[in-house]
Amino acid sequence: MTALWIAHVQVSDAEAYGRYAKLATEAIAAHGGVFLARGGRYRQLEGADRPRNVVARFPSLEAAVACYESAGYQAALDHARGAAVRDLVVVEEMD
């Protein structure tokens, strides 16, 4: 069953976060992830407003978690730490 990786982000250091985004894109693709939404228009209806919203689809929940735990993605995260406040969840899609 496919899974969605959903991130809500408030960037405080655009340069560092740009380095994260480049490396994260490569790691996500390497694990079969494809972006469905990345930035773009949105409307906050409830909860904390984080203006960068990202959704990627992975072949499975396990593939998404493997991506997150991979050396490539962890190297990307080194650039995001201190450069953004993030929420990230992975959820299986319905049939």
N, C-alpha and C. Protein backbone atom coordinates (compact mmCIF):
# COMPACT_ATOMS: atom_id res chain seq x y z
N MET A 1 0.85 -1.17 0.00
CA MET A 1 0.00 0.00 0.00
C MET A 1 0.90 1.25 0.00
N THR A 2 0.58 2.21 -0.84
CA THR A 2 1.37 3.44 -0.91
C THR A 2 1.21 4.27 0.37
N ALA A 3 2.15 5.18 0.56
CA ALA A 3 2.12 6.03 1.75
C ALA A 3 2.47 7.45 1.37
N LEU A 4 1.94 8.39 2.13
CA LEU A 4 2.22 9.81 1.93
C LEU A 4 3.12 10.33 3.04
N TRP A 5 4.11 11.07 2.64
CA TRP A 5 5.05 11.77 3.54
C TRP A 5 4.56 13.21 3.53
N ILE A 6 4.13 13.72 4.66
CA ILE A 6 3.53 15.05 4.73
C ILE A 6 4.35 15.90 5.71
N ALA A 7 4.88 17.00 5.20
CA ALA A 7 5.69 17.90 6.02
C ALA A 7 5.10 19.30 6.01
N HIS A 8 5.13 19.93 7.18
CA HIS A 8 4.73 21.32 7.34
C HIS A 8 5.94 22.03 7.93
N VAL A 9 6.40 23.10 7.26
CA VAL A 9 7.70 23.68 7.59
C VAL A 9 7.63 25.20 7.69
N GLN A 10 8.33 25.72 8.68
CA GLN A 10 8.57 27.16 8.82
C GLN A 10 10.07 27.35 8.70
N VAL A 11 10.52 27.91 7.58
CA VAL A 11 11.95 28.07 7.31
C VAL A 11 12.45 29.37 7.93
N SER A 12 13.58 29.28 8.64
CA SER A 12 14.21 30.47 9.23
C SER A 12 15.55 30.80 8.58
N ASP A 13 16.15 29.85 7.88
CA ASP A 13 17.43 30.05 7.18
C ASP A 13 17.29 29.46 5.79
N ALA A 14 16.92 30.30 4.82
CA ALA A 14 16.62 29.83 3.47
C ALA A 14 17.83 29.19 2.79
N GLU A 15 19.00 29.71 3.03
CA GLU A 15 20.20 29.17 2.39
C GLU A 15 20.48 27.74 2.87
N ALA A 16 20.48 27.55 4.17
CA ALA A 16 20.72 26.21 4.71
C ALA A 16 19.60 25.26 4.31
N TYR A 17 18.35 25.76 4.33
CA TYR A 17 17.24 24.88 3.97
C TYR A 17 17.27 24.52 2.50
N GLY A 18 17.79 25.40 1.67
CA GLY A 18 17.98 25.08 0.26
C GLY A 18 18.94 23.92 0.07
N ARG A 19 20.01 23.88 0.86
CA ARG A 19 20.94 22.74 0.80
C ARG A 19 20.24 21.46 1.22
N TYR A 20 19.44 21.55 2.29
CA TYR A 20 18.65 20.40 2.72
C TYR A 20 17.75 19.91 1.58
N ALA A 21 17.02 20.84 0.97
CA ALA A 21 16.04 20.47 -0.06
C ALA A 21 16.70 19.75 -1.23
N LYS A 22 17.86 20.19 -1.64
CA LYS A 22 18.56 19.55 -2.76
C LYS A 22 18.92 18.11 -2.42
N LEU A 23 19.52 17.91 -1.26
CA LEU A 23 19.92 16.56 -0.86
C LEU A 23 18.71 15.69 -0.54
N ALA A 24 17.69 16.26 0.08
CA ALA A 24 16.48 15.50 0.40
C ALA A 24 15.78 15.03 -0.86
N THR A 25 15.74 15.88 -1.88
CA THR A 25 15.11 15.50 -3.15
C THR A 25 15.77 14.25 -3.72
N GLU A 26 17.08 14.21 -3.67
CA GLU A 26 17.82 13.05 -4.18
C GLU A 26 17.52 11.79 -3.36
N ALA A 27 17.50 11.92 -2.03
CA ALA A 27 17.22 10.78 -1.17
C ALA A 27 15.79 10.27 -1.36
N ILE A 28 14.85 11.19 -1.48
CA ILE A 28 13.46 10.80 -1.67
C ILE A 28 13.28 10.06 -2.98
N ALA A 29 13.85 10.57 -4.05
CA ALA A 29 13.77 9.89 -5.35
C ALA A 29 14.41 8.52 -5.30
N ALA A 30 15.53 8.39 -4.60
CA ALA A 30 16.23 7.11 -4.51
C ALA A 30 15.41 6.04 -3.80
N HIS A 31 14.42 6.46 -3.02
CA HIS A 31 13.56 5.51 -2.30
C HIS A 31 12.18 5.41 -2.94
N GLY A 32 12.06 5.86 -4.18
CA GLY A 32 10.80 5.72 -4.91
C GLY A 32 9.79 6.80 -4.62
N GLY A 33 10.19 7.86 -3.92
CA GLY A 33 9.27 8.94 -3.60
C GLY A 33 9.08 9.91 -4.75
N VAL A 34 7.86 10.38 -4.93
CA VAL A 34 7.55 11.40 -5.94
C VAL A 34 6.76 12.51 -5.24
N PHE A 35 7.07 13.74 -5.60
CA PHE A 35 6.40 14.88 -4.98
C PHE A 35 5.03 15.11 -5.60
N LEU A 36 4.03 15.30 -4.75
CA LEU A 36 2.68 15.65 -5.17
C LEU A 36 2.42 17.13 -4.93
N ALA A 37 3.04 17.68 -3.89
CA ALA A 37 2.93 19.11 -3.58
C ALA A 37 4.24 19.51 -2.92
N ARG A 38 4.70 20.71 -3.28
CA ARG A 38 5.96 21.20 -2.73
C ARG A 38 5.92 22.71 -2.74
N GLY A 39 5.56 23.27 -1.59
CA GLY A 39 5.34 24.71 -1.55
C GLY A 39 4.00 25.01 -2.20
N GLY A 40 3.91 26.12 -2.87
CA GLY A 40 2.68 26.45 -3.58
C GLY A 40 1.63 27.07 -2.69
N ARG A 41 0.52 27.38 -3.31
CA ARG A 41 -0.58 28.03 -2.60
C ARG A 41 -1.20 27.09 -1.58
N TYR A 42 -1.65 27.66 -0.49
CA TYR A 42 -2.33 26.89 0.54
C TYR A 42 -3.20 27.83 1.36
N ARG A 43 -4.05 27.26 2.16
CA ARG A 43 -4.84 28.04 3.11
C ARG A 43 -4.87 27.28 4.42
N GLN A 44 -4.34 27.89 5.46
CA GLN A 44 -4.30 27.27 6.79
C GLN A 44 -5.68 27.35 7.40
N LEU A 45 -6.26 26.21 7.73
CA LEU A 45 -7.60 26.19 8.31
C LEU A 45 -7.59 25.89 9.80
N GLU A 46 -6.63 25.10 10.26
CA GLU A 46 -6.51 24.79 11.68
C GLU A 46 -5.04 24.55 12.01
N GLY A 47 -4.69 24.69 13.28
CA GLY A 47 -3.35 24.36 13.74
C GLY A 47 -2.32 25.42 13.41
N ALA A 48 -1.06 25.07 13.65
CA ALA A 48 0.05 25.98 13.44
C ALA A 48 0.25 26.27 11.96
N ASP A 49 0.41 27.54 11.64
CA ASP A 49 0.64 27.93 10.24
C ASP A 49 2.12 27.79 9.92
N ARG A 50 2.44 26.87 9.03
CA ARG A 50 3.79 26.68 8.53
C ARG A 50 3.69 26.78 7.02
N PRO A 51 4.24 27.85 6.44
CA PRO A 51 3.95 28.18 5.04
C PRO A 51 4.56 27.26 3.98
N ARG A 52 5.43 26.34 4.35
CA ARG A 52 5.95 25.41 3.35
C ARG A 52 5.32 24.05 3.64
N ASN A 53 4.58 23.54 2.69
CA ASN A 53 3.87 22.27 2.84
C ASN A 53 4.31 21.34 1.71
N VAL A 54 4.70 20.13 2.09
CA VAL A 54 5.25 19.18 1.12
C VAL A 54 4.54 17.84 1.29
N VAL A 55 4.15 17.24 0.16
CA VAL A 55 3.56 15.91 0.17
C VAL A 55 4.29 15.09 -0.89
N ALA A 56 4.78 13.93 -0.47
CA ALA A 56 5.42 13.00 -1.40
C ALA A 56 4.78 11.63 -1.23
N ARG A 57 4.64 10.92 -2.33
CA ARG A 57 4.09 9.55 -2.29
C ARG A 57 5.24 8.56 -2.41
N PHE A 58 5.21 7.55 -1.57
CA PHE A 58 6.19 6.46 -1.60
C PHE A 58 5.48 5.15 -1.90
N PRO A 59 6.22 4.16 -2.39
CA PRO A 59 5.60 2.87 -2.69
C PRO A 59 4.98 2.19 -1.46
N SER A 60 5.50 2.50 -0.26
CA SER A 60 4.98 1.88 0.96
C SER A 60 5.41 2.72 2.16
N LEU A 61 4.78 2.47 3.28
CA LEU A 61 5.17 3.11 4.53
C LEU A 61 6.62 2.76 4.85
N GLU A 62 6.98 1.51 4.62
CA GLU A 62 8.33 1.06 4.91
C GLU A 62 9.37 1.78 4.05
N ALA A 63 9.04 2.03 2.79
CA ALA A 63 9.97 2.76 1.91
C ALA A 63 10.16 4.19 2.39
N ALA A 64 9.08 4.82 2.86
CA ALA A 64 9.18 6.20 3.36
C ALA A 64 10.02 6.26 4.62
N VAL A 65 9.83 5.31 5.52
CA VAL A 65 10.62 5.28 6.75
C VAL A 65 12.08 4.96 6.43
N ALA A 66 12.31 4.04 5.50
CA ALA A 66 13.68 3.72 5.09
C ALA A 66 14.37 4.95 4.51
N CYS A 67 13.64 5.75 3.77
CA CYS A 67 14.19 6.98 3.23
C CYS A 67 14.60 7.90 4.37
N TYR A 68 13.71 8.11 5.32
CA TYR A 68 14.00 9.00 6.44
C TYR A 68 15.23 8.53 7.21
N GLU A 69 15.36 7.23 7.39
CA GLU A 69 16.46 6.67 8.17
C GLU A 69 17.75 6.51 7.36
N SER A 70 17.69 6.74 6.05
CA SER A 70 18.87 6.52 5.20
C SER A 70 19.97 7.54 5.48
N ALA A 71 21.19 7.14 5.17
CA ALA A 71 22.34 8.03 5.35
C ALA A 71 22.18 9.29 4.51
N GLY A 72 21.65 9.16 3.30
CA GLY A 72 21.48 10.32 2.42
C GLY A 72 20.51 11.33 2.99
N TYR A 73 19.38 10.85 3.51
CA TYR A 73 18.41 11.78 4.06
C TYR A 73 18.91 12.38 5.38
N GLN A 74 19.56 11.58 6.19
CA GLN A 74 20.10 12.11 7.44
C GLN A 74 21.16 13.18 7.18
N ALA A 75 21.94 13.02 6.10
CA ALA A 75 22.91 14.06 5.72
C ALA A 75 22.17 15.33 5.31
N ALA A 76 21.06 15.18 4.62
CA ALA A 76 20.23 16.34 4.25
C ALA A 76 19.72 17.03 5.50
N LEU A 77 19.24 16.25 6.46
CA LEU A 77 18.69 16.81 7.69
C LEU A 77 19.70 17.65 8.47
N ASP A 78 20.97 17.33 8.32
CA ASP A 78 21.99 18.14 8.99
C ASP A 78 21.87 19.62 8.61
N HIS A 79 21.42 19.89 7.38
CA HIS A 79 21.25 21.27 6.92
C HIS A 79 19.93 21.88 7.41
N ALA A 80 18.93 21.06 7.67
CA ALA A 80 17.63 21.56 8.10
C ALA A 80 17.59 21.88 9.59
N ARG A 81 18.40 21.16 10.36
CA ARG A 81 18.42 21.39 11.81
C ARG A 81 18.87 22.82 12.09
N GLY A 82 18.06 23.54 12.83
CA GLY A 82 18.37 24.93 13.13
C GLY A 82 17.96 25.90 12.04
N ALA A 83 17.56 25.38 10.88
CA ALA A 83 17.16 26.23 9.76
C ALA A 83 15.65 26.25 9.56
N ALA A 84 14.93 25.41 10.32
CA ALA A 84 13.49 25.33 10.13
C ALA A 84 12.85 24.62 11.33
N VAL A 85 11.57 24.91 11.52
CA VAL A 85 10.73 24.14 12.44
C VAL A 85 9.86 23.28 11.55
N ARG A 86 9.83 21.99 11.83
CA ARG A 86 9.17 21.05 10.92
C ARG A 86 8.28 20.07 11.68
N ASP A 87 7.20 19.69 11.04
CA ASP A 87 6.40 18.54 11.45
C ASP A 87 6.43 17.59 10.27
N LEU A 88 6.61 16.31 10.53
CA LEU A 88 6.67 15.32 9.44
C LEU A 88 5.92 14.07 9.90
N VAL A 89 5.04 13.59 9.05
CA VAL A 89 4.31 12.36 9.33
C VAL A 89 4.26 11.55 8.04
N VAL A 90 4.25 10.23 8.20
CA VAL A 90 4.04 9.32 7.07
C VAL A 90 2.77 8.54 7.37
N VAL A 91 1.87 8.49 6.40
CA VAL A 91 0.59 7.80 6.60
C VAL A 91 0.28 6.97 5.36
N GLU A 92 -0.22 5.75 5.59
CA GLU A 92 -0.62 4.91 4.46
C GLU A 92 -1.86 5.50 3.78
N GLU A 93 -1.86 5.36 2.46
CA GLU A 93 -3.06 5.77 1.70
C GLU A 93 -4.10 4.67 1.79
N MET A 94 -5.32 5.06 1.57
CA MET A 94 -6.42 4.11 1.53
C MET A 94 -6.46 3.44 0.17
N ASP A 95 -6.99 2.23 0.14
CA ASP A 95 -7.17 1.53 -1.15
C ASP A 95 -8.14 2.27 -2.01
